[in-house]
C-alpha cells in the first residue's frame, strides 16, 4: 500500500477517536476511502464548533466506508423538472393515491383537526404534501441520510449546501431525536415521511405527540404537524387556497394575467368546481399547458408551496391533490402534446434570448418558473402574441428570428 494512502487511513482512524481505534475487526472505518477520511478530518473541527461531540461524530460515520456512487449518479436527473407537468400529475394525483389519502384523513380526523386549529393550515394541503412526499408515510426513503449528505458534500455538489446540511444532520443526532441507523430518507438527504432537509427540520419540525422528540420518521402526528408548521411559518394565508382551477370566458384578454380575485370574477373567470372565487386576495393566471389546457389562478400560497420544492409541476401536483382529497373534480380540459413544449435546452435558449431583450433576469437554467413566465408574457404582449406565458418551440423561433 502506498505510504500516502496508509498515512491518510491512520489519520482517519486517529481522528475517529478511541472507539474506532479500539475496534475488534477491520470494519468500514479501517477500509475507508482515503479521500473520504480526509474529508471527515476537515469536517470534524466544524462539527465540534457546532457542539457535536466526538462520540456523536464517530457513531454517525462508523458504518460508512466512503461516498456512494449511486447517489452521485442521481444528481444528473430530477423528475419534476424533466417531465411535462401533465405527466408528473398522472403519478402524483392518481386515483389510488386519492383513495389512500381520503382513508388516512378519516383515520386521523382528530389529529388533523388539532393541527388545523393550531397552525391554520387546511388538512387537505397537509395531506397532499404527505402524499406526494412519502405516499402518506409508506415510503419515506431507505437511504442513510448521513452517507447521502456526506457523498454530496465531499463532491461539492451545489457548493457548500450539502456540507452545511450534513452538519445540521449531525446536530439532530446530537439532540437525540433519532439514532444514526434510523435517520433515513432520499438520495439527496431529505428525511422521513415529510422529506425535510436537516436545516428545514431544525427550523420547522415539531413534537406534536408530546413524547419529547421531533420524529418525522415514524410519528404520523409529528410528520403532519411539521408540514403544517412549515407552511404556517412561511406565511400561509388561511383565507385563500393555493389556487383555483378555472375556466376562462371566450376572448379573455390574457394581458390581464395578474390582479385581485374579485377583478377576475368580474371579467368572467369562473372556478371549475362551481364555487365562487373569494372576494379578496391577489392571484395570477397560470396556464402550464398554454391556452386551451387546464387553467389556474394561483395565489401567494402557491409560492409557499413552491418553497417546499421550486418545481411548478410539484406545486401544482400538491395543490391539485389537495383539491381532489377534499372531493373536488378532476381537471377537464385536455393537456397539449409533448411536442408543443420546449425541453431543457430549448428553455435555456429562450431564457438567454429573453435576457438579451432585457426581459429576463437570472441564470439560464433550463427550468420553467415564475421569472420565465413573467418575462415570456412581457415579450408576447410586446410582440402581439398570445400572452399565455407558455414556452413553445414556436415562441422560441419567433424570438430567434428577430435577433
Protein backbone atom coordinates (compact mmCIF):
# COMPACT_ATOMS: atom_id res chain seq x y z
CA UNK A 1 0.00 0.00 0.00
CA UNK A 2 1.46 3.42 -0.87
CA UNK A 3 2.67 5.32 2.20
CA UNK A 4 0.47 8.34 1.40
CA UNK A 5 -2.71 6.27 1.45
CA UNK A 6 -1.61 4.41 4.57
CA UNK A 7 -0.89 7.71 6.32
CA UNK A 8 -4.34 9.02 5.42
CA UNK A 9 -6.01 5.90 6.79
CA UNK A 10 -4.07 6.14 10.04
CA UNK A 11 -5.00 9.81 10.32
CA UNK A 12 -8.65 8.99 9.70
CA UNK A 13 -8.68 6.37 12.44
CA UNK A 14 -6.96 8.69 14.87
CA UNK A 15 -9.46 11.44 14.18
CA UNK A 16 -12.34 9.00 14.58
CA UNK A 17 -11.49 8.66 18.26
CA UNK A 18 -10.73 5.85 20.70
CA UNK A 19 -13.88 3.85 19.96
CA UNK A 20 -12.88 3.33 16.34
CA UNK A 21 -9.20 2.74 17.10
CA UNK A 22 -10.03 0.00 19.62
CA UNK A 23 -12.44 -1.92 17.36
CA UNK A 24 -12.28 -5.71 17.27
CA UNK A 25 -12.02 -6.03 13.48
CA UNK A 26 -11.09 -4.08 10.40
CA UNK A 27 -14.66 -2.77 9.80
CA UNK A 28 -15.69 0.02 7.42
CA UNK A 29 -13.61 2.68 9.19
CA UNK A 30 -10.38 0.75 8.66
CA UNK A 31 -11.19 0.20 5.00
CA UNK A 32 -12.36 3.75 4.44
CA UNK A 33 -11.51 5.53 1.23
CA UNK A 34 -8.53 7.83 1.82
CA UNK A 35 -10.22 10.85 0.23
CA UNK A 36 -13.27 10.30 2.40
CA UNK A 37 -11.10 10.09 5.51
CA UNK A 38 -9.52 13.40 4.60
CA UNK A 39 -12.99 14.88 4.09
CA UNK A 40 -14.05 13.73 7.58
CA UNK A 41 -10.85 15.09 9.10
CA UNK A 42 -11.63 18.51 7.65
CA UNK A 43 -15.27 18.28 8.77
CA UNK A 44 -14.58 17.34 12.39
CA UNK A 45 -13.47 20.82 13.62
CA UNK A 46 -16.56 22.45 12.11
CA UNK A 47 -18.73 19.83 13.76
CA UNK A 48 -17.06 20.46 17.11
CA UNK A 49 -17.71 24.18 16.69
CA UNK A 50 -21.41 23.34 16.29
CA UNK A 51 -21.37 21.49 19.63
CA UNK A 52 -21.28 18.00 18.12
CA UNK A 53 -19.43 15.65 20.43
CA UNK A 54 -16.67 13.25 19.30
CA UNK A 55 -18.93 10.37 20.32
CA UNK A 56 -21.78 11.55 18.06
CA UNK A 57 -19.40 12.24 15.18
CA UNK A 58 -17.75 8.82 15.40
CA UNK A 59 -21.07 6.98 15.67
CA UNK A 60 -22.51 8.84 12.69
CA UNK A 61 -19.76 7.69 10.31
CA UNK A 62 -18.90 4.33 11.87
CA UNK A 63 -20.52 2.24 9.13
CA UNK A 64 -19.76 4.50 6.17
CA UNK A 65 -16.74 3.34 4.16
CA UNK A 66 -16.91 6.15 1.63
CA UNK A 67 -19.13 8.02 -0.83
CA UNK A 68 -21.96 6.24 -2.60
CA UNK A 69 -21.53 6.22 -6.40
CA UNK A 70 -25.26 5.59 -6.93
CA UNK A 71 -26.07 8.86 -5.20
CA UNK A 72 -23.70 10.82 -7.41
CA UNK A 73 -25.38 9.30 -10.47
CA UNK A 74 -28.74 10.58 -9.27
CA UNK A 75 -27.57 14.20 -9.32
CA UNK A 76 -27.90 14.23 -13.08
CA UNK A 77 -31.65 13.79 -13.11
CA UNK A 78 -34.68 15.05 -11.20
CA UNK A 79 -38.15 14.01 -12.37
CA UNK A 80 -40.32 17.01 -11.59
CA UNK A 81 -38.10 19.30 -13.66
CA UNK A 82 -37.60 16.93 -16.60
CA UNK A 83 -41.16 15.79 -17.36
CA UNK A 84 -44.13 17.74 -18.70
CA UNK A 85 -46.44 18.88 -15.92
CA UNK A 86 -49.22 16.61 -17.17
CA UNK A 87 -47.02 13.52 -16.98
CA UNK A 88 -45.97 14.44 -13.46
CA UNK A 89 -49.61 14.86 -12.40
CA UNK A 90 -50.54 11.36 -13.62
CA UNK A 91 -48.36 9.75 -10.97
CA UNK A 92 -48.74 12.35 -8.24
CA UNK A 93 -52.54 12.62 -8.37
CA UNK A 94 -53.62 9.07 -9.17
CA UNK A 95 -56.95 7.51 -8.22
CA UNK A 96 -55.18 5.16 -5.85
CA UNK A 97 -53.40 7.98 -4.06
CA UNK A 98 -56.63 9.95 -3.71
CA UNK A 99 -58.37 6.92 -2.18
CA UNK A 100 -55.48 6.25 0.23
CA UNK A 101 -55.36 9.89 1.26
CA UNK A 102 -59.06 10.08 1.97
CA UNK A 103 -58.81 6.92 4.06
CA UNK A 104 -55.95 8.40 6.08
CA UNK A 105 -57.96 11.60 6.52
CA UNK A 106 -60.79 9.63 8.11
CA UNK A 107 -58.45 7.65 10.36
CA UNK A 108 -56.57 10.76 11.52
CA UNK A 109 -59.52 13.13 11.78
CA UNK A 110 -58.89 14.19 15.40
CA UNK A 111 -55.17 14.73 14.85
CA UNK A 112 -55.76 16.74 11.68
CA UNK A 113 -58.42 18.86 13.43
CA UNK A 114 -55.95 19.70 16.20
CA UNK A 115 -53.25 20.57 13.66
CA UNK A 116 -55.66 22.82 11.72
CA UNK A 117 -56.64 24.60 14.92
CA UNK A 118 -53.03 25.27 15.93
CA UNK A 119 -51.48 26.22 12.58
CA UNK A 120 -54.48 27.39 10.49
CA UNK A 121 -53.41 25.31 7.50
CA UNK A 122 -56.10 23.12 5.86
CA UNK A 123 -55.81 19.40 6.43
CA UNK A 124 -56.10 18.73 2.71
CA UNK A 125 -52.95 20.64 1.80
CA UNK A 126 -51.08 18.97 4.68
CA UNK A 127 -52.25 15.55 3.50
CA UNK A 128 -51.31 16.39 -0.08
CA UNK A 129 -47.72 17.16 0.91
CA UNK A 130 -47.61 13.94 2.91
CA UNK A 131 -48.99 12.02 -0.06
CA UNK A 132 -46.60 13.44 -2.65
CA UNK A 133 -43.53 13.20 -0.41
CA UNK A 134 -43.96 9.70 1.02
CA UNK A 135 -47.30 8.25 -0.13
CA UNK A 136 -48.77 9.02 3.31
CA UNK A 137 -45.80 7.67 5.21
CA UNK A 138 -45.45 4.42 3.27
CA UNK A 139 -42.21 5.34 1.51
CA UNK A 140 -40.14 7.81 3.45
CA UNK A 141 -36.90 6.59 1.90
CA UNK A 142 -34.34 3.96 2.84
CA UNK A 143 -31.06 5.77 2.08
CA UNK A 144 -28.95 6.51 5.18
CA UNK A 145 -29.05 10.28 5.48
CA UNK A 146 -25.52 10.77 6.77
CA UNK A 147 -24.00 8.80 3.90
CA UNK A 148 -26.15 10.60 1.32
CA UNK A 149 -25.19 14.03 2.61
CA UNK A 150 -21.53 13.12 3.07
CA UNK A 151 -21.39 11.85 -0.52
CA UNK A 152 -22.86 15.06 -1.91
CA UNK A 153 -20.82 17.25 0.42
CA UNK A 154 -17.50 15.62 -0.47
CA UNK A 155 -18.32 16.02 -4.18
CA UNK A 156 -19.23 19.69 -3.51
CA UNK A 157 -22.49 19.19 -5.34
CA UNK A 158 -24.16 22.59 -5.30
CA UNK A 159 -21.24 24.17 -3.47
CA UNK A 160 -21.38 24.11 0.32
CA UNK A 161 -25.11 23.38 0.53
CA UNK A 162 -24.81 19.72 1.43
CA UNK A 163 -21.82 20.22 3.72
CA UNK A 164 -23.98 22.57 5.77
CA UNK A 165 -26.87 20.10 5.64
CA UNK A 166 -24.52 17.36 6.86
CA UNK A 167 -23.52 19.47 9.85
CA UNK A 168 -27.21 20.11 10.56
CA UNK A 169 -27.87 16.36 10.38
CA UNK A 170 -25.12 15.76 12.94
CA UNK A 171 -26.75 18.41 15.14
CA UNK A 172 -30.01 16.44 15.00
CA UNK A 173 -28.17 13.30 16.09
CA UNK A 174 -26.54 15.27 18.93
CA UNK A 175 -30.01 16.29 20.13
CA UNK A 176 -31.01 12.62 20.34
CA UNK A 177 -34.18 12.90 18.24
CA UNK A 178 -33.17 9.91 16.10
CA UNK A 179 -30.42 7.27 16.05
CA UNK A 180 -27.95 7.26 13.12
CA UNK A 181 -29.18 3.90 11.79
CA UNK A 182 -32.79 5.16 11.76
CA UNK A 183 -32.05 8.52 10.13
CA UNK A 184 -33.06 7.65 6.59
CA UNK A 185 -34.63 9.32 3.59
CA UNK A 186 -33.96 10.13 -0.03
CA UNK A 187 -30.73 10.08 -2.01
CA UNK A 188 -30.47 13.87 -1.65
CA UNK A 189 -30.68 13.89 2.14
CA UNK A 190 -34.37 14.73 2.55
CA UNK A 191 -35.63 12.82 5.55
CA UNK A 192 -38.57 10.77 6.67
CA UNK A 193 -42.26 10.99 5.90
CA UNK A 194 -42.08 14.71 5.12
CA UNK A 195 -38.75 14.74 3.26
CA UNK A 196 -37.28 17.66 5.19
CA UNK A 197 -33.66 18.51 4.70
CA UNK A 198 -31.88 18.73 8.06
CA UNK A 199 -31.85 22.55 8.04
CA UNK A 200 -35.61 22.57 7.45
CA UNK A 201 -36.06 20.04 10.23
CA UNK A 202 -34.14 22.18 12.71
CA UNK A 203 -36.22 25.27 11.86
CA UNK A 204 -39.68 23.80 11.43
CA UNK A 205 -40.15 20.25 12.75
CA UNK A 206 -42.35 19.97 15.84
CA UNK A 207 -43.08 17.44 18.57
CA UNK A 208 -46.87 17.24 18.26
CA UNK A 209 -47.39 13.90 20.02
CA UNK A 210 -45.60 15.18 23.13
CA UNK A 211 -43.04 12.40 23.55
CA UNK A 212 -40.09 14.80 23.71
CA UNK A 213 -38.75 14.08 20.22
CA UNK A 214 -39.45 15.64 16.85
CA UNK A 215 -39.96 12.39 14.98
CA UNK A 216 -40.74 12.82 11.26
CA UNK A 217 -39.72 9.21 10.56
CA UNK A 218 -42.31 7.14 12.46
CA UNK A 219 -44.72 9.57 14.18
CA UNK A 220 -47.64 10.49 11.94
CA UNK A 221 -48.68 13.30 14.30
CA UNK A 222 -45.21 14.86 14.26
CA UNK A 223 -44.90 14.45 10.49
CA UNK A 224 -48.23 16.09 9.71
CA UNK A 225 -47.82 18.88 12.25
CA UNK A 226 -44.31 19.59 10.96
CA UNK A 227 -45.70 20.13 7.45
CA UNK A 228 -48.34 22.50 8.83
CA UNK A 229 -45.82 24.35 10.98
CA UNK A 230 -43.53 24.79 7.98
CA UNK A 231 -46.32 26.25 5.83
CA UNK A 232 -47.52 28.46 8.68
CA UNK A 233 -44.00 29.76 9.34
CA UNK A 234 -43.53 30.60 5.65
CA UNK A 235 -46.65 32.73 5.60
CA UNK A 236 -49.59 30.54 4.58
CA UNK A 237 -52.71 32.70 4.25
CA UNK A 238 -55.65 30.79 5.75
CA UNK A 239 -58.39 32.75 3.96
CA UNK A 240 -57.45 31.65 0.44
CA UNK A 241 -56.40 28.43 -1.25
CA UNK A 242 -53.13 27.64 -3.04
CA UNK A 243 -55.04 28.44 -6.22
CA UNK A 244 -58.19 27.63 -8.15
CA UNK A 245 -58.80 25.61 -11.29
CA UNK A 246 -60.73 27.98 -13.53
CA UNK A 247 -62.38 28.35 -16.92
CA UNK A 248 -61.75 31.48 -18.97
CA UNK A 249 -64.55 33.21 -20.84
CA UNK A 250 -64.33 33.34 -24.65
CA UNK A 251 -61.95 36.01 -25.85
CA UNK A 252 -60.46 36.64 -22.41
CA UNK A 253 -57.75 39.31 -22.51
CA UNK A 254 -54.61 37.39 -21.49
CA UNK A 255 -52.73 40.61 -20.85
CA UNK A 256 -54.81 40.81 -17.67
CA UNK A 257 -52.97 37.95 -16.01
CA UNK A 258 -52.47 39.37 -12.51
CA UNK A 259 -54.81 41.19 -10.17
CA UNK A 260 -57.44 40.83 -7.48
CA UNK A 261 -59.56 37.68 -7.41
CA UNK A 262 -62.65 39.89 -7.46
CA UNK A 263 -61.44 41.50 -10.70
CA UNK A 264 -61.00 38.08 -12.32
CA UNK A 265 -64.54 37.19 -11.27
CA UNK A 266 -65.92 40.40 -12.77
CA UNK A 267 -64.09 39.58 -16.02
CA UNK A 268 -65.96 36.27 -16.24
CA UNK A 269 -63.34 33.86 -14.90
CA UNK A 270 -65.11 31.00 -13.09
CA UNK A 271 -63.98 28.15 -10.87
CA UNK A 272 -64.45 24.76 -12.48
CA UNK A 273 -65.92 23.29 -9.28
CA UNK A 274 -68.78 25.81 -9.36
CA UNK A 275 -67.83 27.62 -6.15
CA UNK A 276 -67.35 31.41 -6.23
CA UNK A 277 -63.92 32.96 -6.22
CA UNK A 278 -63.04 34.67 -2.91
CA UNK A 279 -63.94 38.33 -2.69
CA UNK A 280 -60.41 39.34 -1.72
CA UNK A 281 -56.85 38.27 -2.37
CA UNK A 282 -54.36 38.59 -5.20
CA UNK A 283 -53.78 35.97 -7.90
CA UNK A 284 -52.14 35.43 -11.26
CA UNK A 285 -53.22 33.35 -14.22
CA UNK A 286 -51.19 30.15 -14.66
CA UNK A 287 -51.50 28.26 -17.96
CA UNK A 288 -48.97 25.40 -17.61
CA UNK A 289 -50.05 23.86 -20.91
CA UNK A 290 -50.90 27.05 -22.79
CA UNK A 291 -54.27 28.44 -23.79
CA UNK A 292 -56.92 25.71 -24.04
CA UNK A 293 -55.27 23.44 -21.46
CA UNK A 294 -56.19 23.45 -17.74
CA UNK A 295 -56.04 26.98 -16.33
CA UNK A 296 -55.45 28.13 -12.76
CA UNK A 297 -55.49 31.26 -10.70
CA UNK A 298 -52.56 30.86 -8.31
CA UNK A 299 -52.28 32.87 -5.09
CA UNK A 300 -49.47 33.80 -2.73
CA UNK A 301 -49.94 30.39 -1.14
CA UNK A 302 -48.71 28.78 -4.36
CA UNK A 303 -45.34 30.39 -3.68
CA UNK A 304 -45.44 28.99 -0.15
CA UNK A 305 -45.90 25.54 -1.69
CA UNK A 306 -43.02 26.22 -4.08
CA UNK A 307 -40.78 26.96 -1.09
CA UNK A 308 -41.03 23.24 -0.31
CA UNK A 309 -39.90 22.38 -3.84
CA UNK A 310 -39.38 25.04 -6.52
CA UNK A 311 -40.79 22.96 -9.38
CA UNK A 312 -44.06 24.30 -10.82
CA UNK A 313 -45.09 20.71 -11.55
CA UNK A 314 -44.56 19.75 -7.92
CA UNK A 315 -46.50 22.72 -6.57
CA UNK A 316 -49.38 22.11 -8.97
CA UNK A 317 -49.45 18.42 -8.05
CA UNK A 318 -49.67 19.22 -4.33
CA UNK A 319 -52.39 21.80 -4.88
CA UNK A 320 -54.49 19.65 -7.20
CA UNK A 321 -54.11 16.59 -4.96
CA UNK A 322 -55.36 18.68 -2.04
CA UNK A 323 -58.42 19.66 -4.05
CA UNK A 324 -59.11 16.05 -5.06
CA UNK A 325 -58.71 14.79 -1.48
CA UNK A 326 -61.29 17.38 -0.44
CA UNK A 327 -63.72 16.00 -3.03
CA UNK A 328 -63.00 18.40 -5.89
CA UNK A 329 -63.33 17.38 -9.55
CA UNK A 330 -60.64 16.17 -11.91
CA UNK A 331 -59.23 18.55 -14.49
CA UNK A 332 -61.50 18.54 -17.54
CA UNK A 333 -59.58 20.49 -20.17
CA UNK A 334 -57.15 18.46 -22.31
CA UNK A 335 -53.41 18.81 -21.99
CA UNK A 336 -51.31 19.52 -25.10
CA UNK A 337 -48.95 17.01 -26.69
CA UNK A 338 -45.34 16.86 -25.57
CA UNK A 339 -44.30 18.24 -28.97
CA UNK A 340 -45.69 21.65 -28.03
CA UNK A 341 -43.28 22.20 -25.13
CA UNK A 342 -39.63 23.12 -25.02
CA UNK A 343 -37.13 20.74 -23.48
CA UNK A 344 -34.43 21.91 -21.08
CA UNK A 345 -32.09 23.00 -23.87
CA UNK A 346 -34.90 24.96 -25.52
CA UNK A 347 -35.80 26.64 -22.22
CA UNK A 348 -32.17 27.67 -21.76
CA UNK A 349 -32.16 29.18 -25.25
CA UNK A 350 -35.40 31.01 -24.52
CA UNK A 351 -34.06 32.36 -21.24
CA UNK A 352 -30.87 33.51 -22.96
CA UNK A 353 -32.84 35.21 -25.74
CA UNK A 354 -35.20 36.96 -23.34
CA UNK A 355 -32.23 38.09 -21.28
CA UNK A 356 -30.71 39.64 -24.39
CA UNK A 357 -34.01 41.50 -24.87
CA UNK A 358 -33.74 42.88 -21.35
CA UNK A 359 -36.78 40.91 -20.19
CA UNK A 360 -35.32 38.03 -18.17
CA UNK A 361 -33.07 38.22 -15.13
CA UNK A 362 -31.30 35.27 -13.64
CA UNK A 363 -29.49 32.13 -14.66
CA UNK A 364 -30.40 30.30 -17.86
CA UNK A 365 -31.04 27.04 -16.01
CA UNK A 366 -33.49 25.36 -18.40
CA UNK A 367 -36.33 25.37 -15.88
CA UNK A 368 -39.73 26.97 -16.31
CA UNK A 369 -40.83 29.07 -13.37
CA UNK A 370 -42.36 32.41 -12.34
CA UNK A 371 -39.48 34.53 -13.65
CA UNK A 372 -39.55 32.90 -17.07
CA UNK A 373 -43.36 33.11 -17.27
CA UNK A 374 -43.29 36.81 -16.47
CA UNK A 375 -40.51 37.55 -18.97
CA UNK A 376 -42.20 35.49 -21.66
CA UNK A 377 -45.55 37.20 -21.15
CA UNK A 378 -43.94 40.60 -21.43
CA UNK A 379 -42.36 39.50 -24.70
CA UNK A 380 -45.62 38.03 -26.00
CA UNK A 381 -47.52 41.19 -25.14
CA UNK A 382 -44.90 43.37 -26.78
CA UNK A 383 -44.93 41.28 -29.94
CA UNK A 384 -48.72 40.83 -30.14
CA UNK A 385 -48.54 37.10 -29.48
CA UNK A 386 -50.90 35.02 -27.34
CA UNK A 387 -49.82 36.06 -23.85
CA UNK A 388 -50.16 32.70 -22.11
CA UNK A 389 -46.61 32.52 -20.72
CA UNK A 390 -46.23 29.03 -22.17
CA UNK A 391 -42.81 28.24 -23.63
CA UNK A 392 -43.19 26.55 -27.02
CA UNK A 393 -40.87 25.91 -29.97
CA UNK A 394 -42.91 28.48 -31.90
CA UNK A 395 -42.22 31.33 -29.49
CA UNK A 396 -38.52 30.42 -29.42
CA UNK A 397 -38.45 30.51 -33.24
CA UNK A 398 -40.14 33.91 -33.15
CA UNK A 399 -37.58 35.24 -30.71
CA UNK A 400 -34.65 33.77 -32.64
CA UNK A 401 -35.90 35.20 -35.95
CA UNK A 402 -35.88 38.70 -34.54
CA UNK A 403 -32.25 38.58 -33.49
